[in-house]
Amino acid sequence: MEIRELNRLKVVLAEKKRTNKWLAEQLGKDQTTISKWCTNANQPDLASLMQIAKLLDVELSDLVRFEEFKTEL
C-alpha cells in the first residue's frame, strides 16, 4: 500500500522548531500517534488539524498538501 503524504506536519514542526514530543504534550496524545501523523502512516482528524494549526500559529491550509487531492479529480 502506497503511503501518500497528505499532511505537512513534519515540515511545519521543523519550521517552527517544535518536536513531536512537544505537540503530543500540547494535544494530550501519545508520541506514537504524532509520529504516525508526521510520517503520514495515519492522518489526524479535522479537529486535531485545527488545534495543531492554532498551536503552531499557522493556517490550516499550511498543514495539508492539497496537490495530492487535485491529482485524483
Protein backbone atom coordinates (compact mmCIF):
# COMPACT_ATOMS: atom_id res chain seq x y z
CA MET A 1 0.00 0.00 0.00
CA GLU A 2 1.36 3.38 -1.02
CA ILE A 3 1.70 5.99 1.71
CA ARG A 4 0.68 9.37 0.36
CA GLU A 5 1.98 12.48 2.02
CA LEU A 6 -1.31 14.22 2.71
CA ASN A 7 -0.10 16.44 5.54
CA ARG A 8 2.92 18.70 6.04
CA LEU A 9 3.04 18.31 9.81
CA LYS A 10 6.66 17.18 9.98
CA VAL A 11 7.79 20.12 7.83
CA VAL A 12 5.79 22.71 9.77
CA LEU A 13 7.02 21.37 13.13
CA ALA A 14 10.60 21.72 11.89
CA GLU A 15 9.95 25.24 10.60
CA LYS A 16 8.51 26.22 13.98
CA LYS A 17 11.35 24.45 15.82
CA ARG A 18 8.94 22.21 17.69
CA THR A 19 9.15 18.48 18.37
CA ASN A 20 6.75 15.58 18.17
CA LYS A 21 7.04 15.31 21.94
CA TRP A 22 6.01 18.95 22.41
CA LEU A 23 3.00 18.51 20.13
CA ALA A 24 1.98 15.29 21.89
CA GLU A 25 2.07 17.07 25.25
CA GLN A 26 0.06 20.02 23.94
CA LEU A 27 -2.62 17.77 22.44
CA GLY A 28 -2.66 15.17 25.21
CA LYS A 29 -1.82 12.48 22.66
CA ASP A 30 0.73 9.68 22.65
CA GLN A 31 4.03 10.43 20.89
CA THR A 32 3.46 7.37 18.72
CA THR A 33 0.28 8.95 17.35
CA ILE A 34 2.11 12.16 16.47
CA SER A 35 4.92 10.17 14.86
CA LYS A 36 2.42 8.32 12.66
CA TRP A 37 0.90 11.65 11.62
CA CYS A 38 4.35 13.06 10.81
CA THR A 39 5.24 10.06 8.66
CA ASN A 40 1.80 10.05 7.04
CA ALA A 41 1.17 6.49 8.23
CA ASN A 42 -2.08 7.85 9.74
CA GLN A 43 -3.83 11.20 9.38
CA PRO A 44 -5.14 13.47 12.11
CA ASP A 45 -8.83 14.27 12.09
CA LEU A 46 -10.02 17.74 11.18
CA ALA A 47 -10.47 18.82 14.80
CA SER A 48 -6.88 17.82 15.58
CA LEU A 49 -5.58 19.62 12.48
CA MET A 50 -7.42 22.77 13.55
CA GLN A 51 -5.93 22.52 17.04
CA ILE A 52 -2.44 21.94 15.62
CA ALA A 53 -2.77 24.96 13.33
CA LYS A 54 -3.69 27.11 16.31
CA LEU A 55 -0.83 25.76 18.45
CA LEU A 56 1.72 26.33 15.68
CA ASP A 57 0.22 29.68 14.66
CA VAL A 58 -0.26 28.65 11.04
CA GLU A 59 -3.20 28.43 8.67
CA LEU A 60 -4.96 25.09 8.39
CA SER A 61 -4.07 25.08 4.70
CA ASP A 62 -0.36 25.16 5.67
CA LEU A 63 -0.74 21.68 7.16
CA VAL A 64 -2.39 19.96 4.19
CA ARG A 65 -0.96 19.03 0.80
CA PHE A 66 -3.87 19.93 -1.43
CA GLU A 67 -1.99 18.94 -4.60
CA GLU A 68 -2.45 15.30 -3.54
CA PHE A 69 -6.21 15.73 -3.83
CA LYS A 70 -6.12 17.65 -7.11
CA THR A 71 -4.40 14.80 -8.95
CA GLU A 72 -7.33 12.50 -8.14
CA LEU A 73 -10.03 14.75 -9.58
